[in-house]
């Protein structure tokens, strides 16, 4: 799940297309910072998965909105 989330957050489209390798690195770093921050705050691992799922859903929504504006 984290690998897919890093790619989506990094800007690579879920419907195919091009992306930059450094976007994936930035997405992975973002997820690592979020995960570490939630661990420090003492958030349960179940809630961490929910939060990461919401982040993925938002990234896909933003991607779809961007594609709709291009067409």
PDB file of N, CA and C in Angstrom:
ATOM      1  N   UNK A   1       0.824  -1.190   0.000  1.00  0.00           N
ATOM      2  CA  UNK A   1       0.000   0.000   0.000  1.00  0.00           C
ATOM      3  C   UNK A   1       0.868   1.254   0.000  1.00  0.00           C
ATOM      4  N   UNK A   2       1.956   1.228   0.748  1.00  0.00           N
ATOM      5  CA  UNK A   2       2.810   2.409   0.819  1.00  0.00           C
ATOM      6  C   UNK A   2       3.472   2.712  -0.515  1.00  0.00           C
ATOM      7  N   UNK A   3       3.841   1.675  -1.263  1.00  0.00           N
ATOM      8  CA  UNK A   3       4.487   1.895  -2.562  1.00  0.00           C
ATOM      9  C   UNK A   3       3.512   2.549  -3.540  1.00  0.00           C
ATOM     10  N   UNK A   4       2.289   2.072  -3.581  1.00  0.00           N
ATOM     11  CA  UNK A   4       1.286   2.660  -4.464  1.00  0.00           C
ATOM     12  C   UNK A   4       0.977   4.090  -4.024  1.00  0.00           C
ATOM     13  N   UNK A   5       0.872   4.299  -2.734  1.00  0.00           N
ATOM     14  CA  UNK A   5       0.592   5.643  -2.223  1.00  0.00           C
ATOM     15  C   UNK A   5       1.712   6.606  -2.575  1.00  0.00           C
ATOM     16  N   UNK A   6       2.957   6.174  -2.470  1.00  0.00           N
ATOM     17  CA  UNK A   6       4.091   7.045  -2.797  1.00  0.00           C
ATOM     18  C   UNK A   6       4.063   7.448  -4.261  1.00  0.00           C
ATOM     19  N   UNK A   7       3.721   6.509  -5.130  1.00  0.00           N
ATOM     20  CA  UNK A   7       3.657   6.804  -6.561  1.00  0.00           C
ATOM     21  C   UNK A   7       2.520   7.769  -6.861  1.00  0.00           C
ATOM     22  N   UNK A   8       1.367   7.548  -6.262  1.00  0.00           N
ATOM     23  CA  UNK A   8       0.213   8.415  -6.510  1.00  0.00           C
ATOM     24  C   UNK A   8       0.470   9.811  -5.960  1.00  0.00           C
ATOM     25  N   UNK A   9       0.993   9.906  -4.761  1.00  0.00           N
ATOM     26  CA  UNK A   9       1.284  11.203  -4.156  1.00  0.00           C
ATOM     27  C   UNK A   9       2.375  11.914  -4.942  1.00  0.00           C
ATOM     28  N   UNK A  10       3.301  11.128  -5.504  1.00  0.00           N
ATOM     29  CA  UNK A  10       4.377  11.708  -6.296  1.00  0.00           C
ATOM     30  C   UNK A  10       3.934  12.288  -7.615  1.00  0.00           C
ATOM     31  N   UNK A  11       2.722  12.050  -8.033  1.00  0.00           N
ATOM     32  CA  UNK A  11       2.199  12.694  -9.223  1.00  0.00           C
ATOM     33  C   UNK A  11       2.037  11.808 -10.435  1.00  0.00           C
ATOM     34  N   UNK A  12       2.287  10.521 -10.309  1.00  0.00           N
ATOM     35  CA  UNK A  12       2.102   9.632 -11.447  1.00  0.00           C
ATOM     36  C   UNK A  12       0.625   9.237 -11.504  1.00  0.00           C
ATOM     37  N   UNK A  13       0.052   9.377 -12.680  1.00  0.00           N
ATOM     38  CA  UNK A  13      -1.378   9.168 -12.847  1.00  0.00           C
ATOM     39  C   UNK A  13      -1.759   7.700 -12.691  1.00  0.00           C
ATOM     40  N   UNK A  14      -2.878   7.446 -12.049  1.00  0.00           N
ATOM     41  CA  UNK A  14      -3.372   6.083 -11.900  1.00  0.00           C
ATOM     42  C   UNK A  14      -3.955   5.551 -13.206  1.00  0.00           C
ATOM     43  N   UNK A  15      -4.315   6.439 -14.116  1.00  0.00           N
ATOM     44  CA  UNK A  15      -4.882   6.008 -15.387  1.00  0.00           C
ATOM     45  C   UNK A  15      -3.819   5.873 -16.472  1.00  0.00           C
ATOM     46  N   UNK A  16      -2.574   5.870 -16.084  1.00  0.00           N
ATOM     47  CA  UNK A  16      -1.482   5.737 -17.039  1.00  0.00           C
ATOM     48  C   UNK A  16      -0.918   7.097 -17.400  1.00  0.00           C
ATOM     49  N   UNK A  17       0.225   7.079 -17.982  1.00  0.00           N
ATOM     50  CA  UNK A  17       0.837   8.335 -18.373  1.00  0.00           C
ATOM     51  C   UNK A  17       2.240   8.436 -17.827  1.00  0.00           C
ATOM     52  N   UNK A  18       2.762   9.617 -17.884  1.00  0.00           N
ATOM     53  CA  UNK A  18       4.154   9.850 -17.502  1.00  0.00           C
ATOM     54  C   UNK A  18       4.236  10.497 -16.134  1.00  0.00           C
ATOM     55  N   UNK A  19       5.360  10.316 -15.525  1.00  0.00           N
ATOM     56  CA  UNK A  19       5.646  10.937 -14.252  1.00  0.00           C
ATOM     57  C   UNK A  19       7.144  11.039 -14.087  1.00  0.00           C
ATOM     58  N   UNK A  20       7.554  11.744 -13.098  1.00  0.00           N
ATOM     59  CA  UNK A  20       8.977  11.931 -12.834  1.00  0.00           C
ATOM     60  C   UNK A  20       9.410  11.044 -11.676  1.00  0.00           C
ATOM     61  N   UNK A  21      10.631  10.547 -11.751  1.00  0.00           N
ATOM     62  CA  UNK A  21      11.141   9.651 -10.712  1.00  0.00           C
ATOM     63  C   UNK A  21      11.271  10.373  -9.380  1.00  0.00           C
ATOM     64  N   UNK A  22      11.604  11.656  -9.418  1.00  0.00           N
ATOM     65  CA  UNK A  22      11.768  12.376  -8.163  1.00  0.00           C
ATOM     66  C   UNK A  22      10.427  12.637  -7.480  1.00  0.00           C
ATOM     67  N   UNK A  23       9.334  12.602  -8.212  1.00  0.00           N
ATOM     68  CA  UNK A  23       8.016  12.722  -7.597  1.00  0.00           C
ATOM     69  C   UNK A  23       7.717  11.537  -6.695  1.00  0.00           C
ATOM     70  N   UNK A  24       8.139  10.354  -7.141  1.00  0.00           N
ATOM     71  CA  UNK A  24       7.949   9.154  -6.325  1.00  0.00           C
ATOM     72  C   UNK A  24       8.783   9.244  -5.047  1.00  0.00           C
ATOM     73  N   UNK A  25      10.007   9.747  -5.165  1.00  0.00           N
ATOM     74  CA  UNK A  25      10.868   9.919  -3.979  1.00  0.00           C
ATOM     75  C   UNK A  25      10.223  10.892  -3.004  1.00  0.00           C
ATOM     76  N   UNK A  26       9.702  11.993  -3.515  1.00  0.00           N
ATOM     77  CA  UNK A  26       9.043  12.977  -2.655  1.00  0.00           C
ATOM     78  C   UNK A  26       7.806  12.374  -1.994  1.00  0.00           C
ATOM     79  N   UNK A  27       7.040  11.591  -2.750  1.00  0.00           N
ATOM     80  CA  UNK A  27       5.871  10.928  -2.189  1.00  0.00           C
ATOM     81  C   UNK A  27       6.237   9.957  -1.074  1.00  0.00           C
ATOM     82  N   UNK A  28       7.331   9.204  -1.279  1.00  0.00           N
ATOM     83  CA  UNK A  28       7.782   8.260  -0.248  1.00  0.00           C
ATOM     84  C   UNK A  28       8.248   9.004   0.999  1.00  0.00           C
ATOM     85  N   UNK A  29       8.969  10.090   0.816  1.00  0.00           N
ATOM     86  CA  UNK A  29       9.407  10.883   1.971  1.00  0.00           C
ATOM     87  C   UNK A  29       8.222  11.485   2.715  1.00  0.00           C
ATOM     88  N   UNK A  30       7.234  11.944   1.970  1.00  0.00           N
ATOM     89  CA  UNK A  30       6.029  12.501   2.588  1.00  0.00           C
ATOM     90  C   UNK A  30       5.331  11.456   3.449  1.00  0.00           C
ATOM     91  N   UNK A  31       5.184  10.244   2.912  1.00  0.00           N
ATOM     92  CA  UNK A  31       4.543   9.178   3.681  1.00  0.00           C
ATOM     93  C   UNK A  31       5.357   8.787   4.904  1.00  0.00           C
ATOM     94  N   UNK A  32       6.678   8.786   4.771  1.00  0.00           N
ATOM     95  CA  UNK A  32       7.533   8.454   5.913  1.00  0.00           C
ATOM     96  C   UNK A  32       7.393   9.497   7.016  1.00  0.00           C
ATOM     97  N   UNK A  33       7.348  10.765   6.633  1.00  0.00           N
ATOM     98  CA  UNK A  33       7.192  11.838   7.627  1.00  0.00           C
ATOM     99  C   UNK A  33       5.828  11.734   8.308  1.00  0.00           C
ATOM    100  N   UNK A  34       4.776  11.474   7.528  1.00  0.00           N
ATOM    101  CA  UNK A  34       3.441  11.324   8.106  1.00  0.00           C
ATOM    102  C   UNK A  34       3.408  10.129   9.064  1.00  0.00           C
ATOM    103  N   UNK A  35       3.971   8.998   8.636  1.00  0.00           N
ATOM    104  CA  UNK A  35       3.992   7.800   9.484  1.00  0.00           C
ATOM    105  C   UNK A  35       4.757   8.020  10.777  1.00  0.00           C
ATOM    106  N   UNK A  36       5.925   8.644  10.676  1.00  0.00           N
ATOM    107  CA  UNK A  36       6.718   8.907  11.882  1.00  0.00           C
ATOM    108  C   UNK A  36       6.018   9.892  12.811  1.00  0.00           C
ATOM    109  N   UNK A  37       5.404  10.903  12.216  1.00  0.00           N
ATOM    110  CA  UNK A  37       4.677  11.876  13.033  1.00  0.00           C
ATOM    111  C   UNK A  37       3.508  11.246  13.774  1.00  0.00           C
ATOM    112  N   UNK A  38       2.795  10.368  13.093  1.00  0.00           N
ATOM    113  CA  UNK A  38       1.675   9.702  13.754  1.00  0.00           C
ATOM    114  C   UNK A  38       2.156   8.744  14.839  1.00  0.00           C
ATOM    115  N   UNK A  39       3.306   8.106  14.604  1.00  0.00           N
ATOM    116  CA  UNK A  39       3.887   7.245  15.644  1.00  0.00           C
ATOM    117  C   UNK A  39       4.274   8.061  16.874  1.00  0.00           C
ATOM    118  N   UNK A  40       4.884   9.197  16.652  1.00  0.00           N
ATOM    119  CA  UNK A  40       5.291  10.056  17.771  1.00  0.00           C
ATOM    120  C   UNK A  40       4.078  10.535  18.554  1.00  0.00           C
ATOM    121  N   UNK A  41       2.993  10.814  17.837  1.00  0.00           N
ATOM    122  CA  UNK A  41       1.773  11.260  18.513  1.00  0.00           C
ATOM    123  C   UNK A  41       1.017  10.126  19.192  1.00  0.00           C
ATOM    124  N   UNK A  42       1.440   8.881  18.935  1.00  0.00           N
ATOM    125  CA  UNK A  42       0.814   7.736  19.578  1.00  0.00           C
ATOM    126  C   UNK A  42      -0.487   7.295  18.929  1.00  0.00           C
ATOM    127  N   UNK A  43      -0.634   7.569  17.637  1.00  0.00           N
ATOM    128  CA  UNK A  43      -1.849   7.182  16.918  1.00  0.00           C
ATOM    129  C   UNK A  43      -1.790   5.682  16.631  1.00  0.00           C
ATOM    130  N   UNK A  44      -2.901   4.996  16.826  1.00  0.00           N
ATOM    131  CA  UNK A  44      -2.996   3.566  16.590  1.00  0.00           C
ATOM    132  C   UNK A  44      -2.684   3.239  15.127  1.00  0.00           C
ATOM    133  N   UNK A  45      -2.106   2.059  14.897  1.00  0.00           N
ATOM    134  CA  UNK A  45      -1.746   1.664  13.529  1.00  0.00           C
ATOM    135  C   UNK A  45      -2.980   1.531  12.630  1.00  0.00           C
ATOM    136  N   UNK A  46      -4.114   1.173  13.226  1.00  0.00           N
ATOM    137  CA  UNK A  46      -5.352   1.092  12.436  1.00  0.00           C
ATOM    138  C   UNK A  46      -5.756   2.467  11.912  1.00  0.00           C
ATOM    139  N   UNK A  47      -5.662   3.477  12.750  1.00  0.00           N
ATOM    140  CA  UNK A  47      -5.996   4.827  12.314  1.00  0.00           C
ATOM    141  C   UNK A  47      -4.966   5.356  11.326  1.00  0.00           C
ATOM    142  N   UNK A  48      -3.726   4.934  11.471  1.00  0.00           N
ATOM    143  CA  UNK A  48      -2.694   5.349  10.515  1.00  0.00           C
ATOM    144  C   UNK A  48      -3.021   4.839   9.118  1.00  0.00           C
ATOM    145  N   UNK A  49      -3.497   3.613   9.019  1.00  0.00           N
ATOM    146  CA  UNK A  49      -3.884   3.061   7.720  1.00  0.00           C
ATOM    147  C   UNK A  49      -5.059   3.825   7.130  1.00  0.00           C
ATOM    148  N   UNK A  50      -5.997   4.221   7.976  1.00  0.00           N
ATOM    149  CA  UNK A  50      -7.145   5.001   7.507  1.00  0.00           C
ATOM    150  C   UNK A  50      -6.680   6.354   6.994  1.00  0.00           C
ATOM    151  N   UNK A  51      -5.793   6.988   7.711  1.00  0.00           N
ATOM    152  CA  UNK A  51      -5.280   8.301   7.308  1.00  0.00           C
ATOM    153  C   UNK A  51      -4.533   8.188   5.979  1.00  0.00           C
ATOM    154  N   UNK A  52      -3.710   7.147   5.829  1.00  0.00           N
ATOM    155  CA  UNK A  52      -2.988   6.952   4.568  1.00  0.00           C
ATOM    156  C   UNK A  52      -3.968   6.678   3.427  1.00  0.00           C
ATOM    157  N   UNK A  53      -5.026   5.937   3.693  1.00  0.00           N
ATOM    158  CA  UNK A  53      -6.043   5.685   2.680  1.00  0.00           C
ATOM    159  C   UNK A  53      -6.737   6.964   2.244  1.00  0.00           C
ATOM    160  N   UNK A  54      -7.012   7.839   3.188  1.00  0.00           N
ATOM    161  CA  UNK A  54      -7.630   9.126   2.859  1.00  0.00           C
ATOM    162  C   UNK A  54      -6.673   9.962   2.013  1.00  0.00           C
ATOM    163  N   UNK A  55      -5.395   9.926   2.341  1.00  0.00           N
ATOM    164  CA  UNK A  55      -4.399  10.668   1.567  1.00  0.00           C
ATOM    165  C   UNK A  55      -4.349  10.150   0.132  1.00  0.00           C
ATOM    166  N   UNK A  56      -4.398   8.834  -0.033  1.00  0.00           N
ATOM    167  CA  UNK A  56      -4.408   8.250  -1.379  1.00  0.00           C
ATOM    168  C   UNK A  56      -5.668   8.679  -2.131  1.00  0.00           C
ATOM    169  N   UNK A  57      -6.817   8.628  -1.474  1.00  0.00           N
ATOM    170  CA  UNK A  57      -8.077   9.010  -2.117  1.00  0.00           C
ATOM    171  C   UNK A  57      -8.041  10.476  -2.559  1.00  0.00           C
ATOM    172  N   UNK A  58      -7.485  11.330  -1.739  1.00  0.00           N
ATOM    173  CA  UNK A  58      -7.384  12.749  -2.097  1.00  0.00           C
ATOM    174  C   UNK A  58      -6.443  12.934  -3.287  1.00  0.00           C
ATOM    175  N   UNK A  59      -5.321  12.207  -3.294  1.00  0.00           N
ATOM    176  CA  UNK A  59      -4.373  12.319  -4.410  1.00  0.00           C
ATOM    177  C   UNK A  59      -5.001  11.847  -5.718  1.00  0.00           C
ATOM    178  N   UNK A  60      -5.754  10.765  -5.683  1.00  0.00           N
ATOM    179  CA  UNK A  60      -6.430  10.275  -6.896  1.00  0.00           C
ATOM    180  C   UNK A  60      -7.498  11.270  -7.344  1.00  0.00           C
ATOM    181  N   UNK A  61      -8.225  11.831  -6.406  1.00  0.00           N
ATOM    182  CA  UNK A  61      -9.252  12.836  -6.742  1.00  0.00           C
ATOM    183  C   UNK A  61      -8.630  14.052  -7.415  1.00  0.00           C
ATOM    184  N   UNK A  62      -7.528  14.533  -6.867  1.00  0.00           N
ATOM    185  CA  UNK A  62      -6.840  15.688  -7.457  1.00  0.00           C
ATOM    186  C   UNK A  62      -6.349  15.348  -8.860  1.00  0.00           C
ATOM    187  N   UNK A  63      -5.836  14.131  -9.046  1.00  0.00           N
ATOM    188  CA  UNK A  63      -5.363  13.692 -10.356  1.00  0.00           C
ATOM    189  C   UNK A  63      -6.511  13.667 -11.359  1.00  0.00           C
ATOM    190  N   UNK A  64      -7.650  13.129 -10.959  1.00  0.00           N
ATOM    191  CA  UNK A  64      -8.799  13.064 -11.857  1.00  0.00           C
ATOM    192  C   UNK A  64      -9.341  14.448 -12.189  1.00  0.00           C
ATOM    193  N   UNK A  65      -9.353  15.339 -11.229  1.00  0.00           N
ATOM    194  CA  UNK A  65      -9.810  16.709 -11.479  1.00  0.00           C
ATOM    195  C   UNK A  65      -8.878  17.414 -12.454  1.00  0.00           C
ATOM    196  N   UNK A  66      -7.583  17.174 -12.316  1.00  0.00           N
ATOM    197  CA  UNK A  66      -6.621  17.776 -13.226  1.00  0.00           C
ATOM    198  C   UNK A  66      -6.791  17.266 -14.652  1.00  0.00           C
ATOM    199  N   UNK A  67      -7.057  15.983 -14.808  1.00  0.00           N
ATOM    200  CA  UNK A  67      -7.279  15.415 -16.138  1.00  0.00           C
ATOM    201  C   UNK A  67      -8.573  15.927 -16.756  1.00  0.00           C
ATOM    202  N   UNK A  68      -9.606  16.129 -15.933  1.00  0.00           N
ATOM    203  CA  UNK A  68     -10.875  16.630 -16.453  1.00  0.00           C
ATOM    204  C   UNK A  68     -10.728  18.065 -16.967  1.00  0.00           C
ATOM    205  N   UNK A  69      -9.896  18.867 -16.321  1.00  0.00           N
ATOM    206  CA  UNK A  69      -9.693  20.242 -16.755  1.00  0.00           C
ATOM    207  C   UNK A  69      -8.881  20.309 -18.040  1.00  0.00           C
ATOM    208  N   UNK A  70      -8.007  19.311 -18.267  1.00  0.00           N
ATOM    209  CA  UNK A  70      -7.195  19.293 -19.471  1.00  0.00           C
ATOM    210  C   UNK A  70      -8.027  18.960 -20.700  1.00  0.00           C
ATOM    211  N   UNK A  71      -9.068  18.206 -20.521  1.00  0.00           N
ATOM    212  CA  UNK A  71      -9.893  17.776 -21.668  1.00  0.00           C
ATOM    213  C   UNK A  71     -10.888  18.758 -22.051  1.00  0.00           C
TER     214      UNK A  71
END
